[in-house]
Protein backbone atom coordinates (compact mmCIF):
# COMPACT_ATOMS: atom_id res chain seq x y z
CA MET A 1 105.17 112.03 78.62
CA TYR A 2 108.52 110.30 79.16
CA SER A 3 110.03 113.27 80.99
CA LEU A 4 106.96 113.47 83.23
CA PHE A 5 107.20 109.72 83.90
CA ILE A 6 110.86 110.07 84.92
CA LYS A 7 109.96 113.06 87.11
CA GLU A 8 107.32 111.01 88.92
CA ILE A 9 109.71 108.10 89.50
CA SER A 10 112.37 110.50 90.80
CA SER A 11 109.90 112.19 93.13
CA PHE A 12 109.02 108.86 94.74
CA PHE A 13 112.62 108.18 95.72
CA HIS A 14 113.69 111.74 96.48
CA SER A 15 110.86 112.04 99.01
CA LEU A 16 111.57 108.62 100.59
CA THR A 17 108.09 107.45 99.58
CA GLY A 18 109.46 104.73 97.34
CA TYR A 19 111.88 103.40 99.94
CA ILE A 20 109.26 103.42 102.69
CA VAL A 21 106.70 101.57 100.55
CA ILE A 22 109.17 98.86 99.54
CA ILE A 23 110.55 98.41 103.07
CA VAL A 24 107.12 98.33 104.74
CA PHE A 25 105.74 95.87 102.19
CA LEU A 26 108.68 93.49 102.60
CA LEU A 27 108.81 93.91 106.38
CA ILE A 28 105.14 93.11 106.99
CA ASN A 29 105.17 90.09 104.70
CA SER A 30 108.48 88.80 106.06
CA LEU A 31 107.36 89.03 109.68
CA PHE A 32 104.12 87.15 109.08
CA MET A 33 105.67 84.56 106.75
CA TRP A 34 108.94 83.80 108.55
CA VAL A 35 108.88 85.16 112.13
CA PHE A 36 105.41 85.34 113.72
CA GLU A 37 103.85 82.03 114.65
CA GLY A 38 100.51 81.28 113.07
CA PRO A 39 98.82 79.99 109.92
CA MET A 40 100.82 82.38 107.72
CA ASN A 41 104.21 81.11 108.90
CA LEU A 42 105.82 79.12 106.08
CA LEU A 43 108.08 77.07 108.34
CA ASP A 44 105.20 76.06 110.59
CA GLY A 45 102.91 75.27 107.70
CA GLY A 46 104.93 72.35 106.43
CA TYR A 47 104.05 72.98 102.77
CA ALA A 48 106.20 74.43 99.99
CA THR A 49 103.86 77.22 98.99
CA LEU A 50 103.78 81.02 98.77
CA ASP A 51 100.04 81.19 99.46
CA PRO A 52 100.59 83.28 102.63
CA LEU A 53 102.27 85.99 100.54
CA PHE A 54 99.40 86.09 98.07
CA THR A 55 96.87 86.16 100.91
CA LEU A 56 98.62 88.99 102.77
CA ALA A 57 99.71 91.14 99.82
CA PRO A 58 96.23 92.37 98.75
CA TRP A 59 95.64 93.65 102.30
CA VAL A 60 99.07 95.25 102.60
CA PHE A 61 98.71 96.87 99.16
CA LEU A 62 95.29 98.14 100.24
CA MET A 63 97.13 100.60 102.49
CA LEU A 64 100.41 101.10 100.66
CA ILE A 65 99.18 101.80 97.13
CA PRO A 66 96.86 104.64 98.22
CA ALA A 67 99.91 106.05 100.04
CA ILE A 68 101.75 106.01 96.70
CA THR A 69 98.95 107.49 94.60
CA MET A 70 97.54 110.06 97.03
CA ARG A 71 100.18 112.59 95.94
CA SER A 72 99.60 112.14 92.20
CA PHE A 73 97.19 115.01 91.62
CA ALA A 74 96.24 116.16 95.12
CA GLU A 75 99.72 117.54 95.76
CA GLU A 76 99.81 119.18 92.31
CA LYS A 77 96.52 120.92 93.11
CA LYS A 78 97.65 121.99 96.55
CA ALA A 79 100.90 123.42 95.20
CA GLY A 80 99.10 125.10 92.29
CA THR A 81 101.25 123.33 89.69
CA LEU A 82 98.48 121.26 88.09
CA ASP A 83 97.26 124.12 85.90
CA LEU A 84 100.83 124.73 84.80
CA LEU A 85 101.22 121.02 84.03
CA LEU A 86 98.06 121.09 81.92
CA THR A 87 99.51 123.87 79.75
CA ARG A 88 102.44 121.68 78.69
CA PRO A 89 102.34 120.06 75.24
CA VAL A 90 100.99 116.75 76.57
CA SER A 91 97.42 115.53 76.66
CA GLU A 92 95.49 114.88 79.85
CA MET A 93 95.65 111.14 79.17
CA GLN A 94 99.43 111.27 78.81
CA ILE A 95 99.68 113.00 82.18
CA VAL A 96 97.46 110.36 83.76
CA MET A 97 99.41 107.52 82.16
CA ALA A 98 102.77 108.96 83.25
CA LYS A 99 101.64 109.09 86.86
CA TYR A 100 99.97 105.68 86.67
CA LEU A 101 102.97 103.94 85.10
CA ALA A 102 105.30 105.49 87.68
CA ALA A 103 103.15 103.99 90.44
CA ILE A 104 103.20 100.60 88.68
CA ILE A 105 107.01 100.66 88.45
CA LEU A 106 107.24 101.29 92.17
CA ILE A 107 104.84 98.40 92.84
CA ILE A 108 106.92 96.07 90.64
CA LEU A 109 110.08 97.12 92.50
CA SER A 110 108.40 96.22 95.79
CA LEU A 111 107.46 92.77 94.44
CA LEU A 112 110.84 91.86 92.94
CA PRO A 113 112.54 91.13 96.29
CA THR A 114 109.79 88.60 97.10
CA LEU A 115 111.37 86.35 94.48
CA ILE A 116 113.83 85.54 97.28
CA TYR A 117 110.88 83.93 99.07
CA TYR A 118 110.19 81.85 95.99
CA TYR A 119 113.84 80.79 95.72
CA SER A 120 113.88 79.85 99.41
CA ILE A 121 110.70 77.78 99.22
CA VAL A 122 111.90 75.97 96.10
CA HIS A 123 115.04 74.84 97.92
CA LEU A 124 113.32 74.15 101.25
CA GLY A 125 110.82 71.80 99.60
CA ASN A 126 111.15 68.05 99.97
CA PRO A 127 112.27 67.18 97.39
CA PRO A 128 113.75 70.56 96.32
CA GLY A 129 111.60 72.20 93.66
CA ASN A 130 108.39 70.66 95.03
CA ILE A 131 106.22 73.72 94.53
CA ASP A 132 103.24 74.54 92.33
CA LYS A 133 105.06 76.74 89.82
CA GLY A 134 101.97 77.40 87.70
CA GLY A 135 99.92 78.51 90.68
CA THR A 136 102.77 80.65 91.99
CA TRP A 137 103.40 82.55 88.76
CA GLY A 138 99.66 82.86 88.16
CA SER A 139 99.37 84.42 91.61
CA TYR A 140 102.17 86.86 90.84
CA ILE A 141 100.42 87.91 87.62
CA GLY A 142 97.12 88.22 89.46
CA LEU A 143 98.78 90.30 92.18
CA LEU A 144 100.20 92.66 89.57
CA PHE A 145 96.76 93.12 88.03
CA LEU A 146 95.21 93.63 91.48
CA ALA A 147 97.86 96.23 92.35
CA GLY A 148 97.27 97.89 88.98
CA ALA A 149 93.57 98.15 89.79
CA TYR A 150 94.32 99.66 93.21
CA ALA A 151 96.66 102.17 91.53
CA GLY A 152 94.00 103.16 88.99
CA ILE A 153 91.47 103.73 91.78
CA GLY A 154 94.03 105.68 93.80
CA ILE A 155 94.96 107.94 90.87
CA TRP A 156 91.29 108.76 90.33
CA CYS A 157 90.72 109.50 94.03
CA SER A 158 93.75 111.80 94.03
CA SER A 159 92.22 113.79 91.17
CA LEU A 160 89.10 114.48 93.24
CA THR A 161 90.72 116.53 96.01
CA GLU A 162 93.77 118.56 96.97
CA ASN A 163 93.88 117.11 100.49
CA LEU A 164 96.34 114.19 100.75
CA ILE A 165 94.60 112.59 103.72
CA ILE A 166 91.19 112.70 102.03
CA SER A 167 92.75 111.28 98.87
CA PHE A 168 94.28 108.42 100.89
CA ILE A 169 91.05 107.61 102.73
CA LEU A 170 88.97 107.74 99.54
CA ALA A 171 91.40 105.39 97.79
CA VAL A 172 91.45 102.90 100.68
CA MET A 173 87.66 102.84 101.02
CA SER A 174 87.04 102.65 97.26
CA SER A 175 89.59 99.87 96.78
CA LEU A 176 88.21 97.99 99.78
CA PHE A 177 84.69 98.18 98.38
CA VAL A 178 85.59 97.10 94.84
CA CYS A 179 87.85 94.32 96.13
CA TYR A 180 85.97 92.87 99.09
CA GLY A 181 82.75 94.88 99.36
CA MET A 182 81.33 93.56 96.10
CA GLU A 183 81.83 90.03 97.36
CA GLN A 184 79.95 90.80 100.57
CA VAL A 185 77.12 92.48 98.64
CA SER A 186 76.77 89.41 96.42
CA THR A 187 76.26 87.21 99.51
CA LEU A 188 73.41 89.45 100.67
CA ILE A 189 71.66 89.03 97.35
CA SER A 190 70.15 85.76 96.22
CA THR A 191 72.41 83.20 94.63
CA GLY A 192 70.78 83.89 91.29
CA GLY A 193 72.18 85.58 88.22
CA PHE A 194 72.29 89.09 89.69
CA GLY A 195 74.26 87.90 92.71
CA LYS A 196 76.79 86.23 90.41
CA PHE A 197 77.00 89.40 88.34
CA ILE A 198 77.82 91.48 91.43
CA LEU A 199 80.42 88.89 92.44
CA SER A 200 81.98 89.10 88.97
CA LEU A 201 82.63 92.82 89.63
CA SER A 202 84.79 92.01 92.64
CA ILE A 203 88.55 92.32 92.25
CA ILE A 204 89.25 89.52 94.72
CA GLU A 205 87.12 87.03 92.78
CA HIS A 206 89.22 87.47 89.63
CA TYR A 207 92.43 87.56 91.67
CA ARG A 208 91.59 84.19 93.23
CA SER A 209 90.80 82.80 89.80
CA MET A 210 94.24 83.79 88.48
CA SER A 211 95.90 82.46 91.64
CA ARG A 212 94.90 78.95 90.61
CA GLY A 213 97.54 79.16 87.89
CA VAL A 214 95.12 79.46 84.97
CA ILE A 215 95.19 82.83 83.22
CA ASP A 216 91.62 83.17 81.99
CA THR A 217 90.93 85.77 79.31
CA ARG A 218 87.86 86.90 81.26
CA ASP A 219 90.00 87.81 84.26
CA VAL A 220 92.51 89.73 82.14
CA VAL A 221 89.71 91.60 80.35
CA TYR A 222 88.11 92.46 83.70
CA PHE A 223 91.29 93.99 85.12
CA VAL A 224 92.16 95.87 81.92
CA ALA A 225 88.59 97.22 81.72
CA LEU A 226 88.54 98.24 85.39
CA ILE A 227 91.88 100.03 85.15
CA THR A 228 90.83 101.74 81.92
CA VAL A 229 87.57 102.97 83.47
CA PHE A 230 89.34 104.68 86.36
CA LEU A 231 92.05 106.18 84.16
CA VAL A 232 89.39 107.57 81.81
CA LEU A 233 87.49 108.96 84.82
CA THR A 234 90.70 110.64 85.95
CA ARG A 235 91.23 112.18 82.52
CA ALA A 236 87.63 113.42 82.54
CA ARG A 237 88.25 115.00 85.93
CA LEU A 238 91.29 116.86 84.58
CA GLU A 239 89.40 117.98 81.49
CA SER A 240 86.60 119.34 83.68
CA ARG A 241 89.03 121.97 85.01
CA LYS A 242 88.88 123.60 81.59
CA TRP A 243 85.13 124.01 81.66
């Protein structure tokens, strides 16, 4: 599993995918937060907060993470190397986890440079350090879980097809539905218990909860369960090739 994990990490950076994802993520957020005028601009806002980053990032990741994961299995199928990979002395779940963890590492690498934003805001505050540290770190943790959920969905979508474009579109649409679609569906239903249940299935609802700076066990359990479900579905898809 370790060798496969290293291979996946190497493939990201040898194909420029990793560099492009990191640069695009930082460029989009930097332009909206520091250059373009508007409600997202930190200097115009007058408050020492990274809320614009945590508002923009889920939308940016909605496009970038499917671009990372679309190659996971679709490219293996297209090249005819997936069957060869399945004959190696590793289980289907180990293959899935190696590809998933490689995607997570790339996501973490794209988030690390945003700590410069945090450092800047801390020192631009009046007085310096006047920032909600609990809310900020809670938002970072929530963003990691949200990105992990996107990656799990993307890995599963990649296992469904050998076409990279179809894999990308499926991942974007599925992530969009689970993140924001559930919330919209809940508003169409009555405000009763069923509507609240549908809302509780939305990624964005739990992400917002964590962004308040309070790490609730229910939110952590939700993300872990959601990621696990899609990874298990991916394993089941790989196992079905043996039938």
